[in-house]
Amino acid sequence: GTGKSGDLPPRPECAPAWREALLARLKEIELTLVIGQHAHAWHLPDAG
């Protein structure tokens, strides 16, 4: 959905419910592009 300054953040239930199971199936990945602050927070060890 849309907020005051653009799209709202990703819904909070998707990542915990599905991310690990889907990522576990991707065993051939050689390069991951981590786009935007929400993705950074999940994928970068020093996301602070």
ModelCIF file with pLDDT and N, C-alpha, C, O atoms, coordinates in Angstrom:
data_MODEL
#
_entry.id   MODEL 
#
_entity.id                         1 
_entity.type                       polymer 
_entity.pdbx_number_of_molecules   1 
#
_entity_poly.entity_id                      1 
_entity_poly.type                           'polypeptide(L)' 
_entity_poly.nstd_linkage                   no 
_entity_poly.nstd_monomer                   no 
_entity_poly.pdbx_seq_one_letter_code       GTGKSGDLPPRPECAPAWREALLARLKEIELTLVIGQHAHAWHLPDAG 
_entity_poly.pdbx_seq_one_letter_code_can   GTGKSGDLPPRPECAPAWREALLARLKEIELTLVIGQHAHAWHLPDAG 
_entity_poly.pdbx_strand_id                 A 
#
loop_
_entity_poly_seq.entity_id 
_entity_poly_seq.num 
_entity_poly_seq.mon_id 
_entity_poly_seq.hetero 
1 1  GLY n 
1 2  THR n 
1 3  GLY n 
1 4  LYS n 
1 5  SER n 
1 6  GLY n 
1 7  ASP n 
1 8  LEU n 
1 9  PRO n 
1 10 PRO n 
1 11 ARG n 
1 12 PRO n 
1 13 GLU n 
1 14 CYS n 
1 15 ALA n 
1 16 PRO n 
1 17 ALA n 
1 18 TRP n 
1 19 ARG n 
1 20 GLU n 
1 21 ALA n 
1 22 LEU n 
1 23 LEU n 
1 24 ALA n 
1 25 ARG n 
1 26 LEU n 
1 27 LYS n 
1 28 GLU n 
1 29 ILE n 
1 30 GLU n 
1 31 LEU n 
1 32 THR n 
1 33 LEU n 
1 34 VAL n 
1 35 ILE n 
1 36 GLY n 
1 37 GLN n 
1 38 HIS n 
1 39 ALA n 
1 40 HIS n 
1 41 ALA n 
1 42 TRP n 
1 43 HIS n 
1 44 LEU n 
1 45 PRO n 
1 46 ASP n 
1 47 ALA n 
1 48 GLY n 
#
_struct_asym.id          A 
_struct_asym.entity_id   1 
#
loop_
_ma_qa_metric.id 
_ma_qa_metric.mode 
_ma_qa_metric.name 
_ma_qa_metric.software_group_id 
_ma_qa_metric.type 
1 global pLDDT . pLDDT 
2 local  pLDDT . pLDDT 
#
_ma_qa_metric_global.metric_id      1 
_ma_qa_metric_global.metric_value   84.98 
_ma_qa_metric_global.model_id       1 
_ma_qa_metric_global.ordinal_id     1 
#
loop_
_ma_qa_metric_local.label_asym_id 
_ma_qa_metric_local.label_comp_id 
_ma_qa_metric_local.label_seq_id 
_ma_qa_metric_local.metric_id 
_ma_qa_metric_local.metric_value 
_ma_qa_metric_local.model_id 
_ma_qa_metric_local.ordinal_id 
A GLY 1  2 69.00 1 1  
A THR 2  2 76.00 1 2  
A GLY 3  2 78.00 1 3  
A LYS 4  2 80.00 1 4  
A SER 5  2 73.00 1 5  
A GLY 6  2 74.00 1 6  
A ASP 7  2 73.00 1 7  
A LEU 8  2 68.00 1 8  
A PRO 9  2 72.00 1 9  
A PRO 10 2 73.00 1 10 
A ARG 11 2 76.00 1 11 
A PRO 12 2 75.00 1 12 
A GLU 13 2 79.00 1 13 
A CYS 14 2 74.00 1 14 
A ALA 15 2 75.00 1 15 
A PRO 16 2 77.00 1 16 
A ALA 17 2 81.00 1 17 
A TRP 18 2 83.00 1 18 
A ARG 19 2 86.00 1 19 
A GLU 20 2 89.00 1 20 
A ALA 21 2 92.00 1 21 
A LEU 22 2 93.00 1 22 
A LEU 23 2 94.00 1 23 
A ALA 24 2 95.00 1 24 
A ARG 25 2 96.00 1 25 
A LEU 26 2 97.00 1 26 
A LYS 27 2 97.00 1 27 
A GLU 28 2 98.00 1 28 
A ILE 29 2 98.00 1 29 
A GLU 30 2 98.00 1 30 
A LEU 31 2 98.00 1 31 
A THR 32 2 98.00 1 32 
A LEU 33 2 98.00 1 33 
A VAL 34 2 97.00 1 34 
A ILE 35 2 96.00 1 35 
A GLY 36 2 92.00 1 36 
A GLN 37 2 90.00 1 37 
A HIS 38 2 88.00 1 38 
A ALA 39 2 92.00 1 39 
A HIS 40 2 94.00 1 40 
A ALA 41 2 90.00 1 41 
A TRP 42 2 88.00 1 42 
A HIS 43 2 91.00 1 43 
A LEU 44 2 92.00 1 44 
A PRO 45 2 77.00 1 45 
A ASP 46 2 75.00 1 46 
A ALA 47 2 65.00 1 47 
A GLY 48 2 69.00 1 48 
#
loop_
_atom_site.group_PDB 
_atom_site.id 
_atom_site.type_symbol 
_atom_site.label_atom_id 
_atom_site.label_alt_id 
_atom_site.label_comp_id 
_atom_site.label_asym_id 
_atom_site.label_entity_id 
_atom_site.label_seq_id 
_atom_site.pdbx_PDB_ins_code 
_atom_site.Cartn_x 
_atom_site.Cartn_y 
_atom_site.Cartn_z 
_atom_site.occupancy 
_atom_site.B_iso_or_equiv 
_atom_site.pdbx_formal_charge 
_atom_site.auth_seq_id 
_atom_site.auth_comp_id 
_atom_site.auth_asym_id 
_atom_site.auth_atom_id 
_atom_site.pdbx_PDB_model_num 
ATOM 1   N N  . GLY A 1 1  ? 0.823  -1.202  0.000  1.00 69.00 ? 1  GLY A N  1 
ATOM 2   C CA . GLY A 1 1  ? 0.000  0.000   0.000  1.00 69.00 ? 1  GLY A CA 1 
ATOM 3   C C  . GLY A 1 1  ? 0.863  1.260   0.000  1.00 69.00 ? 1  GLY A C  1 
ATOM 4   O O  . GLY A 1 1  ? 2.092  1.190   0.031  1.00 69.00 ? 1  GLY A O  1 
ATOM 5   N N  . THR A 1 2  ? 0.196  2.408   -0.035 1.00 76.00 ? 2  THR A N  1 
ATOM 6   C CA . THR A 1 2  ? 0.888  3.684   -0.145 1.00 76.00 ? 2  THR A CA 1 
ATOM 7   C C  . THR A 1 2  ? 0.793  4.466   1.151  1.00 76.00 ? 2  THR A C  1 
ATOM 8   O O  . THR A 1 2  ? -0.249 4.488   1.807  1.00 76.00 ? 2  THR A O  1 
ATOM 9   N N  . GLY A 1 3  ? 1.906  5.113   1.514  1.00 78.00 ? 3  GLY A N  1 
ATOM 10  C CA . GLY A 1 3  ? 1.961  5.988   2.676  1.00 78.00 ? 3  GLY A CA 1 
ATOM 11  C C  . GLY A 1 3  ? 2.149  7.431   2.242  1.00 78.00 ? 3  GLY A C  1 
ATOM 12  O O  . GLY A 1 3  ? 1.936  7.765   1.076  1.00 78.00 ? 3  GLY A O  1 
ATOM 13  N N  . LYS A 1 4  ? 2.547  8.285   3.172  1.00 80.00 ? 4  LYS A N  1 
ATOM 14  C CA . LYS A 1 4  ? 2.713  9.711   2.892  1.00 80.00 ? 4  LYS A CA 1 
ATOM 15  C C  . LYS A 1 4  ? 3.800  9.994   1.861  1.00 80.00 ? 4  LYS A C  1 
ATOM 16  O O  . LYS A 1 4  ? 3.636  10.873  1.015  1.00 80.00 ? 4  LYS A O  1 
ATOM 17  N N  . SER A 1 5  ? 4.912  9.254   1.925  1.00 73.00 ? 5  SER A N  1 
ATOM 18  C CA . SER A 1 5  ? 6.036  9.573   1.038  1.00 73.00 ? 5  SER A CA 1 
ATOM 19  C C  . SER A 1 5  ? 6.364  8.428   0.078  1.00 73.00 ? 5  SER A C  1 
ATOM 20  O O  . SER A 1 5  ? 7.512  8.284   -0.341 1.00 73.00 ? 5  SER A O  1 
ATOM 21  N N  . GLY A 1 6  ? 5.387  7.630   -0.265 1.00 74.00 ? 6  GLY A N  1 
ATOM 22  C CA . GLY A 1 6  ? 5.607  6.512   -1.188 1.00 74.00 ? 6  GLY A CA 1 
ATOM 23  C C  . GLY A 1 6  ? 5.008  5.234   -0.648 1.00 74.00 ? 6  GLY A C  1 
ATOM 24  O O  . GLY A 1 6  ? 4.134  5.255   0.218  1.00 74.00 ? 6  GLY A O  1 
ATOM 25  N N  . ASP A 1 7  ? 5.487  4.127   -1.169 1.00 73.00 ? 7  ASP A N  1 
ATOM 26  C CA . ASP A 1 7  ? 4.970  2.830   -0.735 1.00 73.00 ? 7  ASP A CA 1 
ATOM 27  C C  . ASP A 1 7  ? 5.319  2.582   0.730  1.00 73.00 ? 7  ASP A C  1 
ATOM 28  O O  . ASP A 1 7  ? 6.361  3.019   1.220  1.00 73.00 ? 7  ASP A O  1 
ATOM 29  N N  . LEU A 1 8  ? 4.432  1.878   1.410  1.00 68.00 ? 8  LEU A N  1 
ATOM 30  C CA . LEU A 1 8  ? 4.677  1.497   2.800  1.00 68.00 ? 8  LEU A CA 1 
ATOM 31  C C  . LEU A 1 8  ? 5.797  0.454   2.854  1.00 68.00 ? 8  LEU A C  1 
ATOM 32  O O  . LEU A 1 8  ? 6.130  -0.144  1.831  1.00 68.00 ? 8  LEU A O  1 
ATOM 33  N N  . PRO A 1 9  ? 6.381  0.230   4.035  1.00 72.00 ? 9  PRO A N  1 
ATOM 34  C CA . PRO A 1 9  ? 7.408  -0.815  4.158  1.00 72.00 ? 9  PRO A CA 1 
ATOM 35  C C  . PRO A 1 9  ? 6.798  -2.195  3.885  1.00 72.00 ? 9  PRO A C  1 
ATOM 36  O O  . PRO A 1 9  ? 5.580  -2.365  3.934  1.00 72.00 ? 9  PRO A O  1 
ATOM 37  N N  . PRO A 1 10 ? 7.659  -3.173  3.597  1.00 73.00 ? 10 PRO A N  1 
ATOM 38  C CA . PRO A 1 10 ? 7.149  -4.537  3.386  1.00 73.00 ? 10 PRO A CA 1 
ATOM 39  C C  . PRO A 1 10 ? 6.349  -5.002  4.600  1.00 73.00 ? 10 PRO A C  1 
ATOM 40  O O  . PRO A 1 10 ? 6.663  -4.661  5.740  1.00 73.00 ? 10 PRO A O  1 
ATOM 41  N N  . ARG A 1 11 ? 5.322  -5.777  4.332  1.00 76.00 ? 11 ARG A N  1 
ATOM 42  C CA . ARG A 1 11 ? 4.521  -6.316  5.439  1.00 76.00 ? 11 ARG A CA 1 
ATOM 43  C C  . ARG A 1 11 ? 5.413  -7.196  6.306  1.00 76.00 ? 11 ARG A C  1 
ATOM 44  O O  . ARG A 1 11 ? 6.228  -7.952  5.778  1.00 76.00 ? 11 ARG A O  1 
ATOM 45  N N  . PRO A 1 12 ? 5.274  -7.112  7.616  1.00 75.00 ? 12 PRO A N  1 
ATOM 46  C CA . PRO A 1 12 ? 6.220  -7.784  8.515  1.00 75.00 ? 12 PRO A CA 1 
ATOM 47  C C  . PRO A 1 12 ? 6.109  -9.304  8.576  1.00 75.00 ? 12 PRO A C  1 
ATOM 48  O O  . PRO A 1 12 ? 7.051  -9.959  9.022  1.00 75.00 ? 12 PRO A O  1 
ATOM 49  N N  . GLU A 1 13 ? 5.002  -9.883  8.148  1.00 79.00 ? 13 GLU A N  1 
ATOM 50  C CA . GLU A 1 13 ? 4.841  -11.336 8.296  1.00 79.00 ? 13 GLU A CA 1 
ATOM 51  C C  . GLU A 1 13 ? 5.483  -12.151 7.179  1.00 79.00 ? 13 GLU A C  1 
ATOM 52  O O  . GLU A 1 13 ? 5.725  -13.344 7.363  1.00 79.00 ? 13 GLU A O  1 
ATOM 53  N N  . CYS A 1 14 ? 5.766  -11.546 6.031  1.00 74.00 ? 14 CYS A N  1 
ATOM 54  C CA . CYS A 1 14 ? 6.308  -12.316 4.892  1.00 74.00 ? 14 CYS A CA 1 
ATOM 55  C C  . CYS A 1 14 ? 7.682  -12.901 5.173  1.00 74.00 ? 14 CYS A C  1 
ATOM 56  O O  . CYS A 1 14 ? 7.884  -14.109 5.050  1.00 74.00 ? 14 CYS A O  1 
ATOM 57  N N  . ALA A 1 15 ? 8.621  -12.054 5.547  1.00 75.00 ? 15 ALA A N  1 
ATOM 58  C CA . ALA A 1 15 ? 10.004 -12.534 5.709  1.00 75.00 ? 15 ALA A CA 1 
ATOM 59  C C  . ALA A 1 15 ? 10.110 -13.657 6.740  1.00 75.00 ? 15 ALA A C  1 
ATOM 60  O O  . ALA A 1 15 ? 10.682 -14.699 6.420  1.00 75.00 ? 15 ALA A O  1 
ATOM 61  N N  . PRO A 1 16 ? 9.590  -13.499 7.960  1.00 77.00 ? 16 PRO A N  1 
ATOM 62  C CA . PRO A 1 16 ? 9.711  -14.592 8.928  1.00 77.00 ? 16 PRO A CA 1 
ATOM 63  C C  . PRO A 1 16 ? 9.006  -15.880 8.483  1.00 77.00 ? 16 PRO A C  1 
ATOM 64  O O  . PRO A 1 16 ? 9.463  -16.978 8.802  1.00 77.00 ? 16 PRO A O  1 
ATOM 65  N N  . ALA A 1 17 ? 7.920  -15.750 7.762  1.00 81.00 ? 17 ALA A N  1 
ATOM 66  C CA . ALA A 1 17 ? 7.152  -16.935 7.379  1.00 81.00 ? 17 ALA A CA 1 
ATOM 67  C C  . ALA A 1 17 ? 7.770  -17.704 6.209  1.00 81.00 ? 17 ALA A C  1 
ATOM 68  O O  . ALA A 1 17 ? 7.678  -18.931 6.169  1.00 81.00 ? 17 ALA A O  1 
ATOM 69  N N  . TRP A 1 18 ? 8.397  -17.010 5.259  1.00 83.00 ? 18 TRP A N  1 
ATOM 70  C CA . TRP A 1 18 ? 8.780  -17.663 4.012  1.00 83.00 ? 18 TRP A CA 1 
ATOM 71  C C  . TRP A 1 18 ? 10.246 -17.561 3.616  1.00 83.00 ? 18 TRP A C  1 
ATOM 72  O O  . TRP A 1 18 ? 10.733 -18.412 2.872  1.00 83.00 ? 18 TRP A O  1 
ATOM 73  N N  . ARG A 1 19 ? 10.960 -16.551 4.086  1.00 86.00 ? 19 ARG A N  1 
ATOM 74  C CA . ARG A 1 19 ? 12.296 -16.263 3.568  1.00 86.00 ? 19 ARG A CA 1 
ATOM 75  C C  . ARG A 1 19 ? 13.289 -17.410 3.708  1.00 86.00 ? 19 ARG A C  1 
ATOM 76  O O  . ARG A 1 19 ? 13.908 -17.816 2.725  1.00 86.00 ? 19 ARG A O  1 
ATOM 77  N N  . GLU A 1 20 ? 13.443 -17.926 4.903  1.00 89.00 ? 20 GLU A N  1 
ATOM 78  C CA . GLU A 1 20 ? 14.450 -18.978 5.126  1.00 89.00 ? 20 GLU A CA 1 
ATOM 79  C C  . GLU A 1 20 ? 14.172 -20.213 4.269  1.00 89.00 ? 20 GLU A C  1 
ATOM 80  O O  . GLU A 1 20 ? 15.094 -20.783 3.684  1.00 89.00 ? 20 GLU A O  1 
ATOM 81  N N  . ALA A 1 21 ? 12.928 -20.620 4.195  1.00 92.00 ? 21 ALA A N  1 
ATOM 82  C CA . ALA A 1 21 ? 12.593 -21.817 3.410  1.00 92.00 ? 21 ALA A CA 1 
ATOM 83  C C  . ALA A 1 21 ? 12.889 -21.613 1.926  1.00 92.00 ? 21 ALA A C  1 
ATOM 84  O O  . ALA A 1 21 ? 13.390 -22.523 1.265  1.00 92.00 ? 21 ALA A O  1 
ATOM 85  N N  . LEU A 1 22 ? 12.587 -20.442 1.403  1.00 93.00 ? 22 LEU A N  1 
ATOM 86  C CA . LEU A 1 22 ? 12.854 -20.180 -0.012 1.00 93.00 ? 22 LEU A CA 1 
ATOM 87  C C  . LEU A 1 22 ? 14.347 -20.000 -0.272 1.00 93.00 ? 22 LEU A C  1 
ATOM 88  O O  . LEU A 1 22 ? 14.872 -20.525 -1.254 1.00 93.00 ? 22 LEU A O  1 
ATOM 89  N N  . LEU A 1 23 ? 15.026 -19.272 0.588  1.00 94.00 ? 23 LEU A N  1 
ATOM 90  C CA . LEU A 1 23 ? 16.472 -19.076 0.416  1.00 94.00 ? 23 LEU A CA 1 
ATOM 91  C C  . LEU A 1 23 ? 17.216 -20.420 0.470  1.00 94.00 ? 23 LEU A C  1 
ATOM 92  O O  . LEU A 1 23 ? 18.200 -20.609 -0.245 1.00 94.00 ? 23 LEU A O  1 
ATOM 93  N N  . ALA A 1 24 ? 16.760 -21.332 1.296  1.00 95.00 ? 24 ALA A N  1 
ATOM 94  C CA . ALA A 1 24 ? 17.407 -22.638 1.426  1.00 95.00 ? 24 ALA A CA 1 
ATOM 95  C C  . ALA A 1 24 ? 17.358 -23.431 0.119  1.00 95.00 ? 24 ALA A C  1 
ATOM 96  O O  . ALA A 1 24 ? 18.191 -24.311 -0.099 1.00 95.00 ? 24 ALA A O  1 
ATOM 97  N N  . ARG A 1 25 ? 16.412 -23.137 -0.731 1.00 96.00 ? 25 ARG A N  1 
ATOM 98  C CA . ARG A 1 25 ? 16.275 -23.846 -2.014 1.00 96.00 ? 25 ARG A CA 1 
ATOM 99  C C  . ARG A 1 25 ? 17.221 -23.283 -3.077 1.00 96.00 ? 25 ARG A C  1 
ATOM 100 O O  . ARG A 1 25 ? 17.433 -23.909 -4.115 1.00 96.00 ? 25 ARG A O  1 
ATOM 101 N N  . LEU A 1 26 ? 17.784 -22.107 -2.818 1.00 97.00 ? 26 LEU A N  1 
ATOM 102 C CA . LEU A 1 26 ? 18.625 -21.424 -3.806 1.00 97.00 ? 26 LEU A CA 1 
ATOM 103 C C  . LEU A 1 26 ? 20.103 -21.739 -3.550 1.00 97.00 ? 26 LEU A C  1 
ATOM 104 O O  . LEU A 1 26 ? 20.842 -20.904 -3.028 1.00 97.00 ? 26 LEU A O  1 
ATOM 105 N N  . LYS A 1 27 ? 20.509 -22.904 -3.909 1.00 97.00 ? 27 LYS A N  1 
ATOM 106 C CA . LYS A 1 27 ? 21.862 -23.385 -3.598 1.00 97.00 ? 27 LYS A CA 1 
ATOM 107 C C  . LYS A 1 27 ? 22.908 -22.998 -4.649 1.00 97.00 ? 27 LYS A C  1 
ATOM 108 O O  . LYS A 1 27 ? 24.104 -23.178 -4.418 1.00 97.00 ? 27 LYS A O  1 
ATOM 109 N N  . GLU A 1 28 ? 22.480 -22.475 -5.785 1.00 98.00 ? 28 GLU A N  1 
ATOM 110 C CA . GLU A 1 28 ? 23.410 -22.123 -6.870 1.00 98.00 ? 28 GLU A CA 1 
ATOM 111 C C  . GLU A 1 28 ? 23.715 -20.627 -6.935 1.00 98.00 ? 28 GLU A C  1 
ATOM 112 O O  . GLU A 1 28 ? 24.411 -20.184 -7.849 1.00 98.00 ? 28 GLU A O  1 
ATOM 113 N N  . ILE A 1 29 ? 23.217 -19.856 -6.001 1.00 98.00 ? 29 ILE A N  1 
ATOM 114 C CA . ILE A 1 29 ? 23.403 -18.400 -6.027 1.00 98.00 ? 29 ILE A CA 1 
ATOM 115 C C  . ILE A 1 29 ? 24.882 -18.051 -5.850 1.00 98.00 ? 29 ILE A C  1 
ATOM 116 O O  . ILE A 1 29 ? 25.535 -18.506 -4.911 1.00 98.00 ? 29 ILE A O  1 
ATOM 117 N N  . GLU A 1 30 ? 25.393 -17.236 -6.772 1.00 98.00 ? 30 GLU A N  1 
ATOM 118 C CA . GLU A 1 30 ? 26.779 -16.763 -6.712 1.00 98.00 ? 30 GLU A CA 1 
ATOM 119 C C  . GLU A 1 30 ? 26.864 -15.274 -6.402 1.00 98.00 ? 30 GLU A C  1 
ATOM 120 O O  . GLU A 1 30 ? 27.913 -14.773 -5.999 1.00 98.00 ? 30 GLU A O  1 
ATOM 121 N N  . LEU A 1 31 ? 25.749 -14.571 -6.595 1.00 98.00 ? 31 LEU A N  1 
ATOM 122 C CA . LEU A 1 31 ? 25.727 -13.123 -6.386 1.00 98.00 ? 31 LEU A CA 1 
ATOM 123 C C  . LEU A 1 31 ? 24.358 -12.721 -5.867 1.00 98.00 ? 31 LEU A C  1 
ATOM 124 O O  . LEU A 1 31 ? 23.335 -13.101 -6.435 1.00 98.00 ? 31 LEU A O  1 
ATOM 125 N N  . THR A 1 32 ? 24.340 -11.945 -4.778 1.00 98.00 ? 32 THR A N  1 
ATOM 126 C CA . THR A 1 32 ? 23.095 -11.450 -4.210 1.00 98.00 ? 32 THR A CA 1 
ATOM 127 C C  . THR A 1 32 ? 23.132 -9.930  -4.194 1.00 98.00 ? 32 THR A C  1 
ATOM 128 O O  . THR A 1 32 ? 24.051 -9.331  -3.636 1.00 98.00 ? 32 THR A O  1 
ATOM 129 N N  . LEU A 1 33 ? 22.132 -9.308  -4.805 1.00 98.00 ? 33 LEU A N  1 
ATOM 130 C CA . LEU A 1 33 ? 21.978 -7.860  -4.786 1.00 98.00 ? 33 LEU A CA 1 
ATOM 131 C C  . LEU A 1 33 ? 20.969 -7.529  -3.696 1.00 98.00 ? 33 LEU A C  1 
ATOM 132 O O  . LEU A 1 33 ? 19.817 -7.958  -3.760 1.00 98.00 ? 33 LEU A O  1 
ATOM 133 N N  . VAL A 1 34 ? 21.399 -6.771  -2.700 1.00 97.00 ? 34 VAL A N  1 
ATOM 134 C CA . VAL A 1 34 ? 20.574 -6.443  -1.539 1.00 97.00 ? 34 VAL A CA 1 
ATOM 135 C C  . VAL A 1 34 ? 20.159 -4.984  -1.683 1.00 97.00 ? 34 VAL A C  1 
ATOM 136 O O  . VAL A 1 34 ? 20.968 -4.075  -1.494 1.00 97.00 ? 34 VAL A O  1 
ATOM 137 N N  . ILE A 1 35 ? 18.893 -4.772  -2.020 1.00 96.00 ? 35 ILE A N  1 
ATOM 138 C CA . ILE A 1 35 ? 18.412 -3.463  -2.450 1.00 96.00 ? 35 ILE A CA 1 
ATOM 139 C C  . ILE A 1 35 ? 17.501 -2.816  -1.413 1.00 96.00 ? 35 ILE A C  1 
ATOM 140 O O  . ILE A 1 35 ? 16.425 -3.332  -1.111 1.00 96.00 ? 35 ILE A O  1 
ATOM 141 N N  . GLY A 1 36 ? 17.940 -1.692  -0.875 1.00 92.00 ? 36 GLY A N  1 
ATOM 142 C CA . GLY A 1 36 ? 17.121 -0.911  0.047  1.00 92.00 ? 36 GLY A CA 1 
ATOM 143 C C  . GLY A 1 36 ? 17.310 -1.288  1.504  1.00 92.00 ? 36 GLY A C  1 
ATOM 144 O O  . GLY A 1 36 ? 17.829 -2.357  1.827  1.00 92.00 ? 36 GLY A O  1 
ATOM 145 N N  . GLN A 1 37 ? 16.883 -0.398  2.368  1.00 90.00 ? 37 GLN A N  1 
ATOM 146 C CA . GLN A 1 37 ? 17.162 -0.533  3.807  1.00 90.00 ? 37 GLN A CA 1 
ATOM 147 C C  . GLN A 1 37 ? 16.545 -1.763  4.450  1.00 90.00 ? 37 GLN A C  1 
ATOM 148 O O  . GLN A 1 37 ? 17.160 -2.347  5.342  1.00 90.00 ? 37 GLN A O  1 
ATOM 149 N N  . HIS A 1 38 ? 15.360 -2.180  4.035  1.00 88.00 ? 38 HIS A N  1 
ATOM 150 C CA . HIS A 1 38 ? 14.735 -3.354  4.644  1.00 88.00 ? 38 HIS A CA 1 
ATOM 151 C C  . HIS A 1 38 ? 15.496 -4.634  4.283  1.00 88.00 ? 38 HIS A C  1 
ATOM 152 O O  . HIS A 1 38 ? 15.654 -5.527  5.116  1.00 88.00 ? 38 HIS A O  1 
ATOM 153 N N  . ALA A 1 39 ? 15.958 -4.709  3.052  1.00 92.00 ? 39 ALA A N  1 
ATOM 154 C CA . ALA A 1 39 ? 16.770 -5.849  2.634  1.00 92.00 ? 39 ALA A CA 1 
ATOM 155 C C  . ALA A 1 39 ? 18.138 -5.813  3.321  1.00 92.00 ? 39 ALA A C  1 
ATOM 156 O O  . ALA A 1 39 ? 18.670 -6.857  3.698  1.00 92.00 ? 39 ALA A O  1 
ATOM 157 N N  . HIS A 1 40 ? 18.701 -4.625  3.481  1.00 94.00 ? 40 HIS A N  1 
ATOM 158 C CA . HIS A 1 40 ? 19.983 -4.501  4.183  1.00 94.00 ? 40 HIS A CA 1 
ATOM 159 C C  . HIS A 1 40 ? 19.845 -5.029  5.607  1.00 94.00 ? 40 HIS A C  1 
ATOM 160 O O  . HIS A 1 40 ? 20.701 -5.773  6.086  1.00 94.00 ? 40 HIS A O  1 
ATOM 161 N N  . ALA A 1 41 ? 18.775 -4.646  6.273  1.00 90.00 ? 41 ALA A N  1 
ATOM 162 C CA . ALA A 1 41 ? 18.580 -5.053  7.669  1.00 90.00 ? 41 ALA A CA 1 
ATOM 163 C C  . ALA A 1 41 ? 18.551 -6.571  7.815  1.00 90.00 ? 41 ALA A C  1 
ATOM 164 O O  . ALA A 1 41 ? 19.028 -7.098  8.820  1.00 90.00 ? 41 ALA A O  1 
ATOM 165 N N  . TRP A 1 42 ? 18.008 -7.276  6.845  1.00 88.00 ? 42 TRP A N  1 
ATOM 166 C CA . TRP A 1 42 ? 17.894 -8.736  6.918  1.00 88.00 ? 42 TRP A CA 1 
ATOM 167 C C  . TRP A 1 42 ? 19.202 -9.426  6.510  1.00 88.00 ? 42 TRP A C  1 
ATOM 168 O O  . TRP A 1 42 ? 19.608 -10.400 7.143  1.00 88.00 ? 42 TRP A O  1 
ATOM 169 N N  . HIS A 1 43 ? 19.857 -8.930  5.465  1.00 91.00 ? 43 HIS A N  1 
ATOM 170 C CA . HIS A 1 43 ? 20.964 -9.651  4.838  1.00 91.00 ? 43 HIS A CA 1 
ATOM 171 C C  . HIS A 1 43 ? 22.366 -9.225  5.259  1.00 91.00 ? 43 HIS A C  1 
ATOM 172 O O  . HIS A 1 43 ? 23.325 -9.951  4.996  1.00 91.00 ? 43 HIS A O  1 
ATOM 173 N N  . LEU A 1 44 ? 22.512 -8.090  5.892  1.00 92.00 ? 44 LEU A N  1 
ATOM 174 C CA . LEU A 1 44 ? 23.851 -7.624  6.256  1.00 92.00 ? 44 LEU A CA 1 
ATOM 175 C C  . LEU A 1 44 ? 24.093 -7.824  7.746  1.00 92.00 ? 44 LEU A C  1 
ATOM 176 O O  . LEU A 1 44 ? 23.255 -7.446  8.564  1.00 92.00 ? 44 LEU A O  1 
ATOM 177 N N  . PRO A 1 45 ? 25.206 -8.400  8.098  1.00 77.00 ? 45 PRO A N  1 
ATOM 178 C CA . PRO A 1 45 ? 25.472 -8.693  9.509  1.00 77.00 ? 45 PRO A CA 1 
ATOM 179 C C  . PRO A 1 45 ? 25.598 -7.445  10.383 1.00 77.00 ? 45 PRO A C  1 
ATOM 180 O O  . PRO A 1 45 ? 25.353 -7.498  11.588 1.00 77.00 ? 45 PRO A O  1 
ATOM 181 N N  . ASP A 1 46 ? 25.975 -6.339  9.780  1.00 75.00 ? 46 ASP A N  1 
ATOM 182 C CA . ASP A 1 46 ? 26.132 -5.101  10.541 1.00 75.00 ? 46 ASP A CA 1 
ATOM 183 C C  . ASP A 1 46 ? 25.112 -4.060  10.074 1.00 75.00 ? 46 ASP A C  1 
ATOM 184 O O  . ASP A 1 46 ? 25.463 -2.925  9.749  1.00 75.00 ? 46 ASP A O  1 
ATOM 185 N N  . ALA A 1 47 ? 23.881 -4.460  10.050 1.00 65.00 ? 47 ALA A N  1 
ATOM 186 C CA . ALA A 1 47 ? 22.814 -3.649  9.474  1.00 65.00 ? 47 ALA A CA 1 
ATOM 187 C C  . ALA A 1 47 ? 22.479 -2.394  10.265 1.00 65.00 ? 47 ALA A C  1 
ATOM 188 O O  . ALA A 1 47 ? 21.585 -1.647  9.867  1.00 65.00 ? 47 ALA A O  1 
ATOM 189 N N  . GLY A 1 48 ? 23.161 -2.141  11.363 1.00 69.00 ? 48 GLY A N  1 
ATOM 190 C CA . GLY A 1 48 ? 22.881 -0.942  12.133 1.00 69.00 ? 48 GLY A CA 1 
ATOM 191 C C  . GLY A 1 48 ? 23.292 0.333   11.430 1.00 69.00 ? 48 GLY A C  1 
ATOM 192 O O  . GLY A 1 48 ? 23.111 1.423   11.972 1.00 69.00 ? 48 GLY A O  1 
#
